[in-house]
Protein backbone atom coordinates (compact mmCIF):
# COMPACT_ATOMS: atom_id res chain seq x y z
CA ARG A 1 6.09 2.77 8.53
CA ALA A 2 4.79 0.70 5.66
CA THR A 3 6.58 -0.07 2.43
CA VAL A 4 3.36 -1.06 0.64
CA ARG A 5 -0.38 -0.92 1.27
CA TYR A 6 -3.07 -3.15 -0.22
CA PHE A 7 -6.54 -2.43 -1.60
CA ASP A 8 -9.47 -4.63 -2.58
CA PRO A 9 -10.88 -3.03 -5.76
CA ASP A 10 -13.83 -5.43 -6.02
CA ARG A 11 -15.15 -4.28 -2.64
CA ALA A 12 -13.79 -0.72 -2.98
CA ARG A 13 -12.01 -0.86 0.38
CA PRO A 14 -8.51 -0.81 1.83
CA GLY A 15 -6.89 -4.09 2.81
CA LEU A 16 -6.38 -7.43 1.16
CA PRO A 17 -9.25 -9.14 -0.64
CA GLN A 18 -10.87 -12.13 1.02
CA ASP A 19 -8.71 -15.28 0.79
CA VAL A 20 -5.55 -13.34 -0.17
CA ALA A 21 -2.37 -13.39 1.90
CA ALA A 22 0.65 -11.11 1.49
CA LEU A 23 4.20 -11.10 2.78
CA VAL A 24 6.86 -8.43 2.33
CA ASP A 25 9.96 -10.62 2.36
CA GLN A 26 12.61 -8.07 1.41
CA ILE A 27 13.08 -4.35 1.91
CA GLU A 28 15.84 -2.30 0.28
CA ASP A 29 16.49 1.38 -0.42
CA THR A 30 15.42 0.91 -4.03
CA GLY A 31 12.57 -1.58 -3.68
CA ALA A 32 10.90 -4.48 -1.97
CA GLY A 33 9.98 -8.13 -2.45
CA VAL A 34 6.30 -9.02 -2.06
CA GLN A 35 4.63 -12.42 -2.13
CA LEU A 36 0.88 -12.65 -2.85
CA VAL A 37 -1.19 -15.82 -2.53
CA ASN A 38 -4.82 -16.46 -3.48
CA LEU A 39 -6.03 -19.16 -1.11
CA ASN A 40 -9.42 -19.51 -2.82
CA PRO A 41 -9.52 -22.68 -4.94
CA ASP A 42 -12.37 -21.47 -7.18
CA GLN A 43 -12.28 -17.69 -7.62
CA ALA A 44 -9.68 -15.30 -8.97
CA ARG A 45 -8.82 -12.21 -6.94
CA ARG A 46 -7.49 -8.76 -7.84
CA VAL A 47 -5.19 -6.84 -5.49
CA ILE A 48 -3.98 -3.27 -5.83
CA VAL A 49 -0.58 -2.65 -4.27
CA GLN A 50 0.29 0.95 -3.33
CA ALA A 51 3.82 2.32 -2.96
CA GLY A 52 4.00 3.40 0.69
CA ALA A 53 1.30 3.72 3.33
CA PHE A 54 0.17 7.08 1.92
CA GLY A 55 1.25 6.71 -1.72
CA GLU A 56 4.39 8.72 -0.98
CA HIS A 57 6.62 6.43 -3.04
CA GLU A 58 6.56 5.55 -6.75
CA PHE A 59 7.02 2.16 -8.36
CA SER A 60 9.64 2.05 -11.12
CA GLU A 61 9.63 -1.60 -12.20
CA VAL A 62 8.07 -4.96 -11.34
CA ARG A 63 9.90 -8.22 -11.96
CA TYR A 64 8.27 -11.64 -11.62
CA GLU A 65 8.60 -15.20 -12.90
CA LYS A 66 6.18 -16.77 -15.35
CA ASP A 67 6.67 -20.08 -17.13
CA GLY A 68 10.24 -20.30 -15.82
CA ALA A 69 11.30 -16.94 -17.27
CA THR A 70 11.82 -13.68 -15.42
CA ARG A 71 9.72 -10.84 -16.80
CA ALA A 72 10.04 -7.14 -16.13
CA VAL A 73 7.43 -4.42 -16.52
CA ALA A 74 8.29 -0.72 -16.34
CA VAL A 75 6.01 1.23 -13.99
CA ALA A 76 5.80 4.94 -13.26
CA GLY A 77 3.12 5.31 -10.63
CA GLN A 78 1.90 4.71 -7.09
CA TRP A 79 -0.18 1.60 -7.78
CA ILE A 80 0.00 -1.75 -9.50
CA ALA A 81 -2.86 -4.21 -9.96
CA VAL A 82 -2.22 -7.93 -9.65
CA ASP A 83 -4.69 -10.56 -10.88
CA LEU A 84 -4.35 -13.83 -8.98
CA GLN A 85 -5.87 -16.98 -10.42
CA PRO A 86 -7.48 -19.50 -8.03
CA SER A 87 -4.91 -21.17 -5.75
CA ALA A 88 -2.11 -19.11 -7.31
CA ALA A 89 0.92 -17.42 -5.82
CA ILE A 90 3.35 -14.83 -7.19
CA ARG A 91 6.49 -13.12 -5.94
CA LEU A 92 7.12 -9.58 -7.09
CA ASP A 93 10.46 -7.78 -7.01
CA ILE A 94 9.33 -4.18 -7.03
CA GLY A 95 11.65 -1.29 -7.85
CA MET A 96 10.73 1.88 -6.00
CA ARG A 97 11.67 5.54 -5.83
CA ARG A 98 11.07 6.74 -2.30
CA PHE A 99 9.32 9.96 -1.20
CA THR A 100 8.53 11.26 -4.69
CA ASN A 101 4.83 12.03 -4.02
CA ASP A 102 2.98 14.09 -1.45
CA PRO A 103 1.39 11.76 1.14
CA SER A 104 -2.37 11.32 0.72
CA TYR A 105 -5.26 9.39 2.22
CA ALA A 106 -6.85 9.00 -1.24
CA PHE A 107 -7.57 5.46 -2.42
CA PRO A 108 -6.53 4.40 -5.96
CA TRP A 109 -10.03 4.99 -7.35
CA HIS A 110 -10.27 8.51 -5.86
CA GLY A 111 -7.79 10.02 -8.31
CA ASP A 112 -6.15 13.10 -6.84
CA GLN A 113 -9.15 13.91 -4.63
CA ILE A 114 -9.93 12.76 -1.13
CA PRO A 115 -13.71 12.27 -0.90
CA VAL A 116 -15.46 14.31 1.75
CA PRO A 117 -18.75 12.74 2.84
CA PHE A 118 -20.26 15.99 4.10
CA HIS A 119 -20.29 19.29 2.20
């Protein structure tokens, strides 16, 4: 069971980008808490976070702190993209509706299709 799954869009592959660490620090029926850290002191990183191991959940809202204020962004989808500046960290409180989508092996950039390498 996985509450979230990560993708590296710059390398078009599943998993966390190089130099990025993640921690799910809270799990609830209606969401999760996720911490993301870019350990690279010179380069920004982009991470795509998916709702569920197979995209079976849907994000409803993301709350985070910036400049001492809590901000909230409404979301209605399986994925969110997070841009991390060099040596930056962020904690996301993610609202989630569980089991709203059919499970799929498709990556975020595949759309609704699962690529088949041989026809």
